[in-house]
Amino acid sequence: MNNDLELGQSRLLEVDNRVLVPAKSHIRIIVTPADVPHSWAVPSLGVKCDAVPGRLNQISISVQREGVYYGQCSEICGTNHAFTPIVVEAVPSKDYGSRVSNQLIPQTTGEASAEMKE
């Protein structure tokens, strides 16, 4: 059940793809769901934004400290509502570009390979 977790990760809090943001910067986040209403909430950042199918909603945040912030969907959105975690990772502005580039490179196995073009 926990085979895909790395040391230090929590089973119901970790996600496949963290939201990566630069620390000490103003950030605009635009949300919309693909299926049912959700509510994007990260309490330690003071953020809660409703997401309604067919509509765009936005919030502005400024994360002052580097670190990892946990949240979850705050709207009862279906049977797997309890398994809808959100992880925001704030990194130093100088490291943000390289971290985003690393996330964009697909993980490959076997004979497959990928190149990132600049």
C-alpha atoms as a PDB file:
ATOM      1  CA  MET A   1       0.000   0.000   0.000  1.00  0.00           C
ATOM      2  CA  ASN A   2       2.859   2.404   0.777  1.00  0.00           C
ATOM      3  CA  ASN A   3       5.286   0.943  -1.787  1.00  0.00           C
ATOM      4  CA  ASP A   4       5.387   4.140  -3.870  1.00  0.00           C
ATOM      5  CA  LEU A   5       6.292   6.408  -0.926  1.00  0.00           C
ATOM      6  CA  GLU A   6       9.774   7.724  -0.260  1.00  0.00           C
ATOM      7  CA  LEU A   7      11.266   8.198   3.203  1.00  0.00           C
ATOM      8  CA  GLY A   8       9.514  11.059   4.987  1.00  0.00           C
ATOM      9  CA  GLN A   9       6.350  11.054   2.851  1.00  0.00           C
ATOM     10  CA  SER A  10       2.889  10.586   4.343  1.00  0.00           C
ATOM     11  CA  ARG A  11       0.460   8.194   2.666  1.00  0.00           C
ATOM     12  CA  LEU A  12      -2.611  10.453   2.491  1.00  0.00           C
ATOM     13  CA  LEU A  13      -0.771  13.766   2.066  1.00  0.00           C
ATOM     14  CA  GLU A  14       1.655  13.138  -0.796  1.00  0.00           C
ATOM     15  CA  VAL A  15       0.850  13.775  -4.467  1.00  0.00           C
ATOM     16  CA  ASP A  16       2.375  12.729  -7.785  1.00  0.00           C
ATOM     17  CA  ASN A  17       2.935  16.345  -8.881  1.00  0.00           C
ATOM     18  CA  ARG A  18       3.489  19.148  -6.392  1.00  0.00           C
ATOM     19  CA  VAL A  19       2.516  22.725  -7.195  1.00  0.00           C
ATOM     20  CA  LEU A  20       5.921  24.395  -7.401  1.00  0.00           C
ATOM     21  CA  VAL A  21       6.067  28.149  -6.684  1.00  0.00           C
ATOM     22  CA  PRO A  22       8.892  30.648  -6.200  1.00  0.00           C
ATOM     23  CA  ALA A  23       9.141  31.948  -2.632  1.00  0.00           C
ATOM     24  CA  LYS A  24       8.806  35.690  -1.973  1.00  0.00           C
ATOM     25  CA  SER A  25       7.003  36.320  -5.277  1.00  0.00           C
ATOM     26  CA  HIS A  26       3.447  37.314  -6.145  1.00  0.00           C
ATOM     27  CA  ILE A  27       1.696  34.370  -7.794  1.00  0.00           C
ATOM     28  CA  ARG A  28      -1.648  34.123  -9.580  1.00  0.00           C
ATOM     29  CA  ILE A  29      -3.259  30.686  -9.586  1.00  0.00           C
ATOM     30  CA  ILE A  30      -6.075  29.904 -12.002  1.00  0.00           C
ATOM     31  CA  VAL A  31      -8.247  26.876 -11.220  1.00  0.00           C
ATOM     32  CA  THR A  32     -10.937  24.930 -13.033  1.00  0.00           C
ATOM     33  CA  PRO A  33     -11.983  21.300 -12.564  1.00  0.00           C
ATOM     34  CA  ALA A  34     -12.426  18.699 -15.269  1.00  0.00           C
ATOM     35  CA  ASP A  35     -15.270  16.860 -13.571  1.00  0.00           C
ATOM     36  CA  VAL A  36     -17.152  18.069 -10.468  1.00  0.00           C
ATOM     37  CA  PRO A  37     -16.918  21.094  -8.130  1.00  0.00           C
ATOM     38  CA  HIS A  38     -13.792  21.174  -5.972  1.00  0.00           C
ATOM     39  CA  SER A  39     -12.327  23.705  -3.568  1.00  0.00           C
ATOM     40  CA  TRP A  40      -8.554  24.181  -3.662  1.00  0.00           C
ATOM     41  CA  ALA A  41      -7.518  24.836  -0.043  1.00  0.00           C
ATOM     42  CA  VAL A  42      -4.135  25.178   1.660  1.00  0.00           C
ATOM     43  CA  PRO A  43      -4.916  26.447   5.187  1.00  0.00           C
ATOM     44  CA  SER A  44      -1.323  27.212   6.221  1.00  0.00           C
ATOM     45  CA  LEU A  45      -1.128  29.662   3.287  1.00  0.00           C
ATOM     46  CA  GLY A  46      -4.578  31.115   3.999  1.00  0.00           C
ATOM     47  CA  VAL A  47      -5.802  29.957   0.582  1.00  0.00           C
ATOM     48  CA  LYS A  48      -9.189  28.552  -0.454  1.00  0.00           C
ATOM     49  CA  CYS A  49     -10.502  28.811  -4.004  1.00  0.00           C
ATOM     50  CA  ASP A  50     -13.650  27.196  -5.386  1.00  0.00           C
ATOM     51  CA  ALA A  51     -13.350  25.378  -8.700  1.00  0.00           C
ATOM     52  CA  VAL A  52     -16.562  25.005 -10.715  1.00  0.00           C
ATOM     53  CA  PRO A  53     -16.773  23.033 -13.988  1.00  0.00           C
ATOM     54  CA  GLY A  54     -16.919  25.319 -17.027  1.00  0.00           C
ATOM     55  CA  ARG A  55     -15.622  28.360 -15.116  1.00  0.00           C
ATOM     56  CA  LEU A  56     -12.198  29.811 -14.347  1.00  0.00           C
ATOM     57  CA  ASN A  57     -11.483  31.145 -10.874  1.00  0.00           C
ATOM     58  CA  GLN A  58      -8.303  32.799  -9.666  1.00  0.00           C
ATOM     59  CA  ILE A  59      -6.479  33.666  -6.475  1.00  0.00           C
ATOM     60  CA  SER A  60      -3.317  35.607  -5.755  1.00  0.00           C
ATOM     61  CA  ILE A  61      -0.821  34.447  -3.161  1.00  0.00           C
ATOM     62  CA  SER A  62       2.622  35.383  -1.948  1.00  0.00           C
ATOM     63  CA  VAL A  63       4.478  32.616  -0.117  1.00  0.00           C
ATOM     64  CA  GLN A  64       7.037  34.318   2.098  1.00  0.00           C
ATOM     65  CA  ARG A  65       8.870  31.235   3.397  1.00  0.00           C
ATOM     66  CA  GLU A  66      10.391  28.331   1.525  1.00  0.00           C
ATOM     67  CA  GLY A  67       8.918  24.983   2.437  1.00  0.00           C
ATOM     68  CA  VAL A  68       6.193  22.440   1.807  1.00  0.00           C
ATOM     69  CA  TYR A  69       2.548  23.310   2.476  1.00  0.00           C
ATOM     70  CA  TYR A  70      -0.250  20.731   2.586  1.00  0.00           C
ATOM     71  CA  GLY A  71      -3.925  21.114   1.777  1.00  0.00           C
ATOM     72  CA  GLN A  72      -6.848  19.238   0.310  1.00  0.00           C
ATOM     73  CA  CYS A  73     -10.109  19.645  -1.513  1.00  0.00           C
ATOM     74  CA  SER A  74     -12.625  21.332   0.817  1.00  0.00           C
ATOM     75  CA  GLU A  75     -15.694  20.498  -1.257  1.00  0.00           C
ATOM     76  CA  ILE A  76     -17.396  17.121  -0.935  1.00  0.00           C
ATOM     77  CA  CYS A  77     -16.650  16.142  -4.519  1.00  0.00           C
ATOM     78  CA  GLY A  78     -17.344  12.408  -4.595  1.00  0.00           C
ATOM     79  CA  THR A  79     -16.429   9.064  -3.106  1.00  0.00           C
ATOM     80  CA  ASN A  80     -12.677   9.732  -3.236  1.00  0.00           C
ATOM     81  CA  HIS A  81     -12.921  13.215  -1.717  1.00  0.00           C
ATOM     82  CA  ALA A  82     -10.741  12.192   1.237  1.00  0.00           C
ATOM     83  CA  PHE A  83      -7.962  11.224  -1.188  1.00  0.00           C
ATOM     84  CA  THR A  84      -7.605  14.616  -2.879  1.00  0.00           C
ATOM     85  CA  PRO A  85      -4.453  16.084  -1.313  1.00  0.00           C
ATOM     86  CA  ILE A  86      -2.706  19.266  -2.447  1.00  0.00           C
ATOM     87  CA  VAL A  87       1.000  19.953  -1.929  1.00  0.00           C
ATOM     88  CA  VAL A  88       2.540  23.368  -2.598  1.00  0.00           C
ATOM     89  CA  GLU A  89       6.332  23.582  -2.502  1.00  0.00           C
ATOM     90  CA  ALA A  90       7.901  27.040  -2.270  1.00  0.00           C
ATOM     91  CA  VAL A  91      11.509  27.117  -3.467  1.00  0.00           C
ATOM     92  CA  PRO A  92      14.068  29.940  -3.684  1.00  0.00           C
ATOM     93  CA  SER A  93      13.447  32.145  -6.726  1.00  0.00           C
ATOM     94  CA  LYS A  94      16.958  31.420  -8.032  1.00  0.00           C
ATOM     95  CA  ASP A  95      16.207  27.655  -8.103  1.00  0.00           C
ATOM     96  CA  TYR A  96      12.666  27.891  -9.476  1.00  0.00           C
ATOM     97  CA  GLY A  97      13.525  27.791 -13.219  1.00  0.00           C
ATOM     98  CA  SER A  98      15.735  24.716 -12.985  1.00  0.00           C
ATOM     99  CA  ARG A  99      13.223  22.887 -10.762  1.00  0.00           C
ATOM    100  CA  VAL A 100      10.414  23.543 -13.264  1.00  0.00           C
ATOM    101  CA  SER A 101      12.631  22.348 -16.132  1.00  0.00           C
ATOM    102  CA  ASN A 102      13.370  19.138 -14.215  1.00  0.00           C
ATOM    103  CA  GLN A 103       9.642  18.515 -13.689  1.00  0.00           C
ATOM    104  CA  LEU A 104       8.953  18.929 -17.413  1.00  0.00           C
ATOM    105  CA  ILE A 105      11.379  16.166 -18.411  1.00  0.00           C
ATOM    106  CA  PRO A 106       9.377  12.909 -18.493  1.00  0.00           C
ATOM    107  CA  GLN A 107      10.695   9.976 -16.490  1.00  0.00           C
ATOM    108  CA  THR A 108      11.694   7.254 -18.956  1.00  0.00           C
ATOM    109  CA  THR A 109      12.367   3.542 -18.711  1.00  0.00           C
ATOM    110  CA  GLY A 110      13.879   0.949 -21.035  1.00  0.00           C
ATOM    111  CA  GLU A 111      14.642   2.033 -24.602  1.00  0.00           C
ATOM    112  CA  ALA A 112      12.532   5.198 -24.575  1.00  0.00           C
ATOM    113  CA  SER A 113      14.179   8.593 -24.238  1.00  0.00           C
ATOM    114  CA  ALA A 114      13.048  12.212 -24.372  1.00  0.00           C
ATOM    115  CA  GLU A 115      14.722  15.498 -25.172  1.00  0.00           C
ATOM    116  CA  MET A 116      13.732  18.930 -23.965  1.00  0.00           C
ATOM    117  CA  LYS A 117      14.121  21.633 -26.604  1.00  0.00           C
ATOM    118  CA  GLU A 118      14.871  25.180 -25.559  1.00  0.00           C
END
